[in-house]
Amino acid sequence: PGTGKTVVALHRVKHLLSRAPDTRILLTTYT
């Protein structure tokens, strides 16, 4: 807990969006 896994996941979304103008991403969680 608290090691920043979610922060890393969100930054990964940001990186993938920057790679191509039409990239579609699904970001899922539990609740």
PDB file of all heavy atoms in Angstrom:
ATOM      1  N   PRO A   1       0.824  -1.212   0.000  1.00  0.00           N
ATOM      2  CA  PRO A   1       0.000   0.000   0.000  1.00  0.00           C
ATOM      3  C   PRO A   1       0.857   1.260   0.000  1.00  0.00           C
ATOM      4  O   PRO A   1       1.907   1.299   0.644  1.00  0.00           O
ATOM      5  CB  PRO A   1      -0.777  -0.096   1.320  1.00  0.00           C
ATOM      6  CG  PRO A   1      -0.742  -1.532   1.694  1.00  0.00           C
ATOM      7  CD  PRO A   1       0.533  -2.081   1.149  1.00  0.00           C
ATOM      8  N   GLY A   2       0.410   2.292  -0.746  1.00  0.00           N
ATOM      9  CA  GLY A   2       1.086   3.590  -0.703  1.00  0.00           C
ATOM     10  C   GLY A   2       2.367   3.694  -1.506  1.00  0.00           C
ATOM     11  O   GLY A   2       3.084   4.686  -1.420  1.00  0.00           O
ATOM     12  N   THR A   3       2.676   2.662  -2.321  1.00  0.00           N
ATOM     13  CA  THR A   3       3.934   2.706  -3.086  1.00  0.00           C
ATOM     14  C   THR A   3       3.773   3.423  -4.427  1.00  0.00           C
ATOM     15  O   THR A   3       4.721   3.519  -5.192  1.00  0.00           O
ATOM     16  CB  THR A   3       4.500   1.284  -3.330  1.00  0.00           C
ATOM     17  OG1 THR A   3       3.456   0.456  -3.858  1.00  0.00           O
ATOM     18  CG2 THR A   3       5.023   0.663  -2.047  1.00  0.00           C
ATOM     19  N   GLY A   4       2.561   3.899  -4.712  1.00  0.00           N
ATOM     20  CA  GLY A   4       2.382   4.701  -5.927  1.00  0.00           C
ATOM     21  C   GLY A   4       2.034   3.912  -7.177  1.00  0.00           C
ATOM     22  O   GLY A   4       2.243   4.383  -8.286  1.00  0.00           O
ATOM     23  N   LYS A   5       1.476   2.701  -7.017  1.00  0.00           N
ATOM     24  CA  LYS A   5       1.116   1.886  -8.191  1.00  0.00           C
ATOM     25  C   LYS A   5       0.104   2.614  -9.076  1.00  0.00           C
ATOM     26  O   LYS A   5       0.235   2.642 -10.298  1.00  0.00           O
ATOM     27  CB  LYS A   5       0.514   0.540  -7.744  1.00  0.00           C
ATOM     28  CG  LYS A   5       1.447  -0.317  -6.920  1.00  0.00           C
ATOM     29  CD  LYS A   5       0.783  -1.593  -6.435  1.00  0.00           C
ATOM     30  CE  LYS A   5      -0.355  -1.350  -5.470  1.00  0.00           C
ATOM     31  NZ  LYS A   5       0.046  -0.735  -4.206  1.00  0.00           N
ATOM     32  N   THR A   6      -0.903   3.228  -8.431  1.00  0.00           N
ATOM     33  CA  THR A   6      -1.950   3.920  -9.202  1.00  0.00           C
ATOM     34  C   THR A   6      -1.379   5.144  -9.909  1.00  0.00           C
ATOM     35  O   THR A   6      -1.732   5.423 -11.059  1.00  0.00           O
ATOM     36  CB  THR A   6      -3.118   4.312  -8.274  1.00  0.00           C
ATOM     37  OG1 THR A   6      -3.602   3.121  -7.649  1.00  0.00           O
ATOM     38  CG2 THR A   6      -4.236   4.968  -9.040  1.00  0.00           C
ATOM     39  N   VAL A   7      -0.484   5.864  -9.230  1.00  0.00           N
ATOM     40  CA  VAL A   7       0.156   7.036  -9.851  1.00  0.00           C
ATOM     41  C   VAL A   7       0.933   6.594 -11.096  1.00  0.00           C
ATOM     42  O   VAL A   7       0.866   7.228 -12.155  1.00  0.00           O
ATOM     43  CB  VAL A   7       1.096   7.750  -8.841  1.00  0.00           C
ATOM     44  CG1 VAL A   7       1.827   8.890  -9.500  1.00  0.00           C
ATOM     45  CG2 VAL A   7       0.292   8.282  -7.658  1.00  0.00           C
ATOM     46  N   VAL A   8       1.648   5.471 -10.983  1.00  0.00           N
ATOM     47  CA  VAL A   8       2.404   4.931 -12.124  1.00  0.00           C
ATOM     48  C   VAL A   8       1.442   4.568 -13.258  1.00  0.00           C
ATOM     49  O   VAL A   8       1.698   4.877 -14.432  1.00  0.00           O
ATOM     50  CB  VAL A   8       3.252   3.708 -11.689  1.00  0.00           C
ATOM     51  CG1 VAL A   8       3.825   2.976 -12.891  1.00  0.00           C
ATOM     52  CG2 VAL A   8       4.387   4.152 -10.759  1.00  0.00           C
ATOM     53  N   ALA A   9       0.312   3.946 -12.912  1.00  0.00           N
ATOM     54  CA  ALA A   9      -0.674   3.559 -13.934  1.00  0.00           C
ATOM     55  C   ALA A   9      -1.204   4.793 -14.673  1.00  0.00           C
ATOM     56  O   ALA A   9      -1.329   4.789 -15.900  1.00  0.00           O
ATOM     57  CB  ALA A   9      -1.825   2.793 -13.277  1.00  0.00           C
ATOM     58  N   LEU A  10      -1.495   5.854 -13.927  1.00  0.00           N
ATOM     59  CA  LEU A  10      -2.022   7.080 -14.555  1.00  0.00           C
ATOM     60  C   LEU A  10      -0.976   7.738 -15.457  1.00  0.00           C
ATOM     61  O   LEU A  10      -1.298   8.224 -16.546  1.00  0.00           O
ATOM     62  CB  LEU A  10      -2.483   8.060 -13.476  1.00  0.00           C
ATOM     63  CG  LEU A  10      -3.754   7.634 -12.719  1.00  0.00           C
ATOM     64  CD1 LEU A  10      -3.948   8.485 -11.474  1.00  0.00           C
ATOM     65  CD2 LEU A  10      -4.981   7.728 -13.616  1.00  0.00           C
ATOM     66  N   HIS A  11       0.282   7.746 -15.019  1.00  0.00           N
ATOM     67  CA  HIS A  11       1.347   8.305 -15.870  1.00  0.00           C
ATOM     68  C   HIS A  11       1.550   7.442 -17.120  1.00  0.00           C
ATOM     69  O   HIS A  11       1.902   7.953 -18.178  1.00  0.00           O
ATOM     70  CB  HIS A  11       2.649   8.436 -15.071  1.00  0.00           C
ATOM     71  CG  HIS A  11       2.698   9.675 -14.217  1.00  0.00           C
ATOM     72  ND1 HIS A  11       3.204  10.870 -14.668  1.00  0.00           N
ATOM     73  CD2 HIS A  11       2.286   9.912 -12.946  1.00  0.00           C
ATOM     74  CE1 HIS A  11       3.113  11.782 -13.715  1.00  0.00           C
ATOM     75  NE2 HIS A  11       2.558  11.228 -12.664  1.00  0.00           N
ATOM     76  N   ARG A  12       1.320   6.131 -16.988  1.00  0.00           N
ATOM     77  CA  ARG A  12       1.420   5.256 -18.165  1.00  0.00           C
ATOM     78  C   ARG A  12       0.350   5.640 -19.185  1.00  0.00           C
ATOM     79  O   ARG A  12       0.592   5.667 -20.394  1.00  0.00           O
ATOM     80  CB  ARG A  12       1.276   3.781 -17.767  1.00  0.00           C
ATOM     81  CG  ARG A  12       1.544   2.806 -18.923  1.00  0.00           C
ATOM     82  CD  ARG A  12       2.998   2.808 -19.329  1.00  0.00           C
ATOM     83  NE  ARG A  12       3.288   2.080 -20.547  1.00  0.00           N
ATOM     84  CZ  ARG A  12       4.391   2.239 -21.262  1.00  0.00           C
ATOM     85  NH1 ARG A  12       5.319   3.096 -20.868  1.00  0.00           N
ATOM     86  NH2 ARG A  12       4.602   1.550 -22.357  1.00  0.00           N
ATOM     87  N   VAL A  13      -0.859   5.955 -18.703  1.00  0.00           N
ATOM     88  CA  VAL A  13      -1.936   6.418 -19.598  1.00  0.00           C
ATOM     89  C   VAL A  13      -1.471   7.668 -20.337  1.00  0.00           C
ATOM     90  O   VAL A  13      -1.601   7.779 -21.561  1.00  0.00           O
ATOM     91  CB  VAL A  13      -3.229   6.730 -18.798  1.00  0.00           C
ATOM     92  CG1 VAL A  13      -4.271   7.389 -19.697  1.00  0.00           C
ATOM     93  CG2 VAL A  13      -3.800   5.458 -18.180  1.00  0.00           C
ATOM     94  N   LYS A  14      -0.896   8.606 -19.580  1.00  0.00           N
ATOM     95  CA  LYS A  14      -0.423   9.862 -20.184  1.00  0.00           C
ATOM     96  C   LYS A  14       0.615   9.581 -21.273  1.00  0.00           C
ATOM     97  O   LYS A  14       0.563  10.158 -22.369  1.00  0.00           O
ATOM     98  CB  LYS A  14       0.181  10.749 -19.089  1.00  0.00           C
ATOM     99  CG  LYS A  14       0.609  12.131 -19.572  1.00  0.00           C
ATOM    100  CD  LYS A  14       1.198  12.970 -18.434  1.00  0.00           C
ATOM    101  CE  LYS A  14       1.612  14.340 -18.938  1.00  0.00           C
ATOM    102  NZ  LYS A  14       2.194  15.171 -17.866  1.00  0.00           N
ATOM    103  N   HIS A  15       1.545   8.668 -20.983  1.00  0.00           N
ATOM    104  CA  HIS A  15       2.593   8.345 -21.960  1.00  0.00           C
ATOM    105  C   HIS A  15       1.987   7.722 -23.223  1.00  0.00           C
ATOM    106  O   HIS A  15       2.331   8.108 -24.346  1.00  0.00           O
ATOM    107  CB  HIS A  15       3.602   7.376 -21.327  1.00  0.00           C
ATOM    108  CG  HIS A  15       4.556   6.786 -22.318  1.00  0.00           C
ATOM    109  ND1 HIS A  15       5.534   7.538 -22.924  1.00  0.00           N
ATOM    110  CD2 HIS A  15       4.652   5.530 -22.840  1.00  0.00           C
ATOM    111  CE1 HIS A  15       6.217   6.764 -23.773  1.00  0.00           C
ATOM    112  NE2 HIS A  15       5.692   5.550 -23.737  1.00  0.00           N
ATOM    113  N   LEU A  16       1.078   6.744 -23.045  1.00  0.00           N
ATOM    114  CA  LEU A  16       0.494   6.058 -24.208  1.00  0.00           C
ATOM    115  C   LEU A  16      -0.330   7.018 -25.067  1.00  0.00           C
ATOM    116  O   LEU A  16      -0.349   6.905 -26.289  1.00  0.00           O
ATOM    117  CB  LEU A  16      -0.363   4.878 -23.741  1.00  0.00           C
ATOM    118  CG  LEU A  16       0.425   3.705 -23.120  1.00  0.00           C
ATOM    119  CD1 LEU A  16      -0.521   2.701 -22.472  1.00  0.00           C
ATOM    120  CD2 LEU A  16       1.309   3.001 -24.154  1.00  0.00           C
ATOM    121  N   LEU A  17      -1.009   7.982 -24.429  1.00  0.00           N
ATOM    122  CA  LEU A  17      -1.783   8.976 -25.189  1.00  0.00           C
ATOM    123  C   LEU A  17      -0.877   9.834 -26.066  1.00  0.00           C
ATOM    124  O   LEU A  17      -1.264  10.280 -27.147  1.00  0.00           O
ATOM    125  CB  LEU A  17      -2.563   9.887 -24.234  1.00  0.00           C
ATOM    126  CG  LEU A  17      -3.796   9.288 -23.555  1.00  0.00           C
ATOM    127  CD1 LEU A  17      -4.313  10.236 -22.485  1.00  0.00           C
ATOM    128  CD2 LEU A  17      -4.901   8.978 -24.568  1.00  0.00           C
ATOM    129  N   SER A  18       0.344  10.073 -25.581  1.00  0.00           N
ATOM    130  CA  SER A  18       1.258  10.963 -26.314  1.00  0.00           C
ATOM    131  C   SER A  18       1.871  10.286 -27.537  1.00  0.00           C
ATOM    132  O   SER A  18       2.456  10.929 -28.384  1.00  0.00           O
ATOM    133  CB  SER A  18       2.384  11.429 -25.384  1.00  0.00           C
ATOM    134  OG  SER A  18       3.294  10.348 -25.153  1.00  0.00           O
ATOM    135  N   ARG A  19       1.723   8.953 -27.621  1.00  0.00           N
ATOM    136  CA  ARG A  19       2.434   8.239 -28.692  1.00  0.00           C
ATOM    137  C   ARG A  19       1.708   8.262 -30.038  1.00  0.00           C
ATOM    138  O   ARG A  19       2.330   8.134 -31.077  1.00  0.00           O
ATOM    139  CB  ARG A  19       2.688   6.793 -28.260  1.00  0.00           C
ATOM    140  CG  ARG A  19       3.863   6.706 -27.293  1.00  0.00           C
ATOM    141  CD  ARG A  19       4.107   5.303 -26.816  1.00  0.00           C
ATOM    142  NE  ARG A  19       3.883   4.326 -27.859  1.00  0.00           N
ATOM    143  CZ  ARG A  19       3.812   3.021 -27.640  1.00  0.00           C
ATOM    144  NH1 ARG A  19       3.942   2.570 -26.425  1.00  0.00           N
ATOM    145  NH2 ARG A  19       3.613   2.176 -28.621  1.00  0.00           N
ATOM    146  N   ALA A  20       0.369   8.347 -29.991  1.00  0.00           N
ATOM    147  CA  ALA A  20      -0.379   8.374 -31.255  1.00  0.00           C
ATOM    148  C   ALA A  20      -1.656   9.181 -31.046  1.00  0.00           C
ATOM    149  O   ALA A  20      -2.254   9.125 -29.982  1.00  0.00           O
ATOM    150  CB  ALA A  20      -0.722   6.949 -31.697  1.00  0.00           C
ATOM    151  N   PRO A  21      -2.084   9.930 -32.070  1.00  0.00           N
ATOM    152  CA  PRO A  21      -3.224  10.853 -31.890  1.00  0.00           C
ATOM    153  C   PRO A  21      -4.579  10.169 -31.765  1.00  0.00           C
ATOM    154  O   PRO A  21      -5.541  10.780 -31.344  1.00  0.00           O
ATOM    155  CB  PRO A  21      -3.166  11.725 -33.144  1.00  0.00           C
ATOM    156  CG  PRO A  21      -2.435  10.902 -34.152  1.00  0.00           C
ATOM    157  CD  PRO A  21      -1.462  10.062 -33.390  1.00  0.00           C
ATOM    158  N   ASP A  22      -4.665   8.869 -32.140  1.00  0.00           N
ATOM    159  CA  ASP A  22      -5.988   8.231 -32.104  1.00  0.00           C
ATOM    160  C   ASP A  22      -6.021   7.021 -31.171  1.00  0.00           C
ATOM    161  O   ASP A  22      -6.920   6.188 -31.250  1.00  0.00           O
ATOM    162  CB  ASP A  22      -6.417   7.825 -33.522  1.00  0.00           C
ATOM    163  CG  ASP A  22      -5.318   7.016 -34.221  1.00  0.00           C
ATOM    164  OD1 ASP A  22      -4.243   6.817 -33.600  1.00  0.00           O
ATOM    165  OD2 ASP A  22      -5.534   6.580 -35.370  1.00  0.00           O
ATOM    166  N   THR A  23      -5.032   6.912 -30.287  1.00  0.00           N
ATOM    167  CA  THR A  23      -4.977   5.795 -29.338  1.00  0.00           C
ATOM    168  C   THR A  23      -6.225   5.762 -28.462  1.00  0.00           C
ATOM    169  O   THR A  23      -6.647   6.787 -27.948  1.00  0.00           O
ATOM    170  CB  THR A  23      -3.743   5.962 -28.408  1.00  0.00           C
ATOM    171  OG1 THR A  23      -2.593   6.042 -29.218  1.00  0.00           O
ATOM    172  CG2 THR A  23      -3.610   4.817 -27.442  1.00  0.00           C
ATOM    173  N   ARG A  24      -6.822   4.558 -28.292  1.00  0.00           N
ATOM    174  CA  ARG A  24      -7.962   4.393 -27.384  1.00  0.00           C
ATOM    175  C   ARG A  24      -7.516   3.526 -26.212  1.00  0.00           C
ATOM    176  O   ARG A  24      -6.947   2.449 -26.401  1.00  0.00           O
ATOM    177  CB  ARG A  24      -9.132   3.708 -28.111  1.00  0.00           C
ATOM    178  CG  ARG A  24      -9.667   4.493 -29.282  1.00  0.00           C
ATOM    179  CD  ARG A  24     -10.776   5.457 -28.918  1.00  0.00           C
ATOM    180  NE  ARG A  24     -11.892   4.805 -28.260  1.00  0.00           N
ATOM    181  CZ  ARG A  24     -12.560   5.327 -27.238  1.00  0.00           C
ATOM    182  NH1 ARG A  24     -12.213   6.495 -26.751  1.00  0.00           N
ATOM    183  NH2 ARG A  24     -13.578   4.697 -26.681  1.00  0.00           N
ATOM    184  N   ILE A  25      -7.776   4.003 -24.992  1.00  0.00           N
ATOM    185  CA  ILE A  25      -7.300   3.296 -23.794  1.00  0.00           C
ATOM    186  C   ILE A  25      -8.463   2.958 -22.873  1.00  0.00           C
ATOM    187  O   ILE A  25      -9.343   3.787 -22.633  1.00  0.00           O
ATOM    188  CB  ILE A  25      -6.273   4.160 -23.021  1.00  0.00           C
ATOM    189  CG1 ILE A  25      -5.041   4.424 -23.904  1.00  0.00           C
ATOM    190  CG2 ILE A  25      -5.839   3.475 -21.719  1.00  0.00           C
ATOM    191  CD1 ILE A  25      -4.029   5.384 -23.296  1.00  0.00           C
ATOM    192  N   LEU A  26      -8.453   1.728 -22.345  1.00  0.00           N
ATOM    193  CA  LEU A  26      -9.413   1.328 -21.315  1.00  0.00           C
ATOM    194  C   LEU A  26      -8.661   1.275 -19.987  1.00  0.00           C
ATOM    195  O   LEU A  26      -7.645   0.583 -19.878  1.00  0.00           O
ATOM    196  CB  LEU A  26     -10.000  -0.053 -21.655  1.00  0.00           C
ATOM    197  CG  LEU A  26     -10.998  -0.645 -20.641  1.00  0.00           C
ATOM    198  CD1 LEU A  26     -12.228   0.234 -20.496  1.00  0.00           C
ATOM    199  CD2 LEU A  26     -11.410  -2.067 -21.046  1.00  0.00           C
ATOM    200  N   LEU A  27      -9.133   2.037 -19.004  1.00  0.00           N
ATOM    201  CA  LEU A  27      -8.517   2.069 -17.668  1.00  0.00           C
ATOM    202  C   LEU A  27      -9.547   1.514 -16.698  1.00  0.00           C
ATOM    203  O   LEU A  27     -10.619   2.096 -16.517  1.00  0.00           O
ATOM    204  CB  LEU A  27      -8.138   3.517 -17.312  1.00  0.00           C
ATOM    205  CG  LEU A  27      -7.692   3.826 -15.879  1.00  0.00           C
ATOM    206  CD1 LEU A  27      -6.480   3.006 -15.466  1.00  0.00           C
ATOM    207  CD2 LEU A  27      -7.382   5.319 -15.723  1.00  0.00           C
ATOM    208  N   THR A  28      -9.249   0.352 -16.093  1.00  0.00           N
ATOM    209  CA  THR A  28     -10.252  -0.265 -15.216  1.00  0.00           C
ATOM    210  C   THR A  28      -9.752  -0.376 -13.785  1.00  0.00           C
ATOM    211  O   THR A  28      -8.551  -0.464 -13.530  1.00  0.00           O
ATOM    212  CB  THR A  28     -10.614  -1.700 -15.674  1.00  0.00           C
ATOM    213  OG1 THR A  28      -9.498  -2.557 -15.431  1.00  0.00           O
ATOM    214  CG2 THR A  28     -10.990  -1.741 -17.118  1.00  0.00           C
ATOM    215  N   THR A  29     -10.726  -0.398 -12.860  1.00  0.00           N
ATOM    216  CA  THR A  29     -10.422  -0.659 -11.457  1.00  0.00           C
ATOM    217  C   THR A  29     -11.561  -1.487 -10.891  1.00  0.00           C
ATOM    218  O   THR A  29     -12.442  -1.933 -11.646  1.00  0.00           O
ATOM    219  CB  THR A  29     -10.202   0.653 -10.684  1.00  0.00           C
ATOM    220  OG1 THR A  29      -9.744   0.334  -9.369  1.00  0.00           O
ATOM    221  CG2 THR A  29     -11.462   1.502 -10.615  1.00  0.00           C
ATOM    222  N   TYR A  30     -11.567  -1.696  -9.551  1.00  0.00           N
ATOM    223  CA  TYR A  30     -12.500  -2.675  -9.001  1.00  0.00           C
ATOM    224  C   TYR A  30     -13.864  -2.107  -8.616  1.00  0.00           C
ATOM    225  O   TYR A  30     -14.877  -2.754  -8.798  1.00  0.00           O
ATOM    226  CB  TYR A  30     -11.871  -3.378  -7.792  1.00  0.00           C
ATOM    227  CG  TYR A  30     -12.517  -4.710  -7.537  1.00  0.00           C
ATOM    228  CD1 TYR A  30     -12.171  -5.824  -8.306  1.00  0.00           C
ATOM    229  CD2 TYR A  30     -13.513  -4.853  -6.586  1.00  0.00           C
ATOM    230  CE1 TYR A  30     -12.798  -7.046  -8.114  1.00  0.00           C
ATOM    231  CE2 TYR A  30     -14.136  -6.073  -6.385  1.00  0.00           C
ATOM    232  CZ  TYR A  30     -13.777  -7.167  -7.151  1.00  0.00           C
ATOM    233  OH  TYR A  30     -14.398  -8.372  -6.969  1.00  0.00           O
ATOM    234  N   THR A  31     -13.908  -0.887  -8.068  1.00  0.00           N
ATOM    235  CA  THR A  31     -15.193  -0.352  -7.586  1.00  0.00           C
ATOM    236  C   THR A  31     -15.531   0.979  -8.270  1.00  0.00           C
ATOM    237  O   THR A  31     -14.647   1.661  -8.784  1.00  0.00           O
ATOM    238  CB  THR A  31     -15.159  -0.093  -6.064  1.00  0.00           C
ATOM    239  OG1 THR A  31     -14.206   0.954  -5.810  1.00  0.00           O
ATOM    240  CG2 THR A  31     -14.757  -1.330  -5.288  1.00  0.00           C
TER     241      THR A  31
END
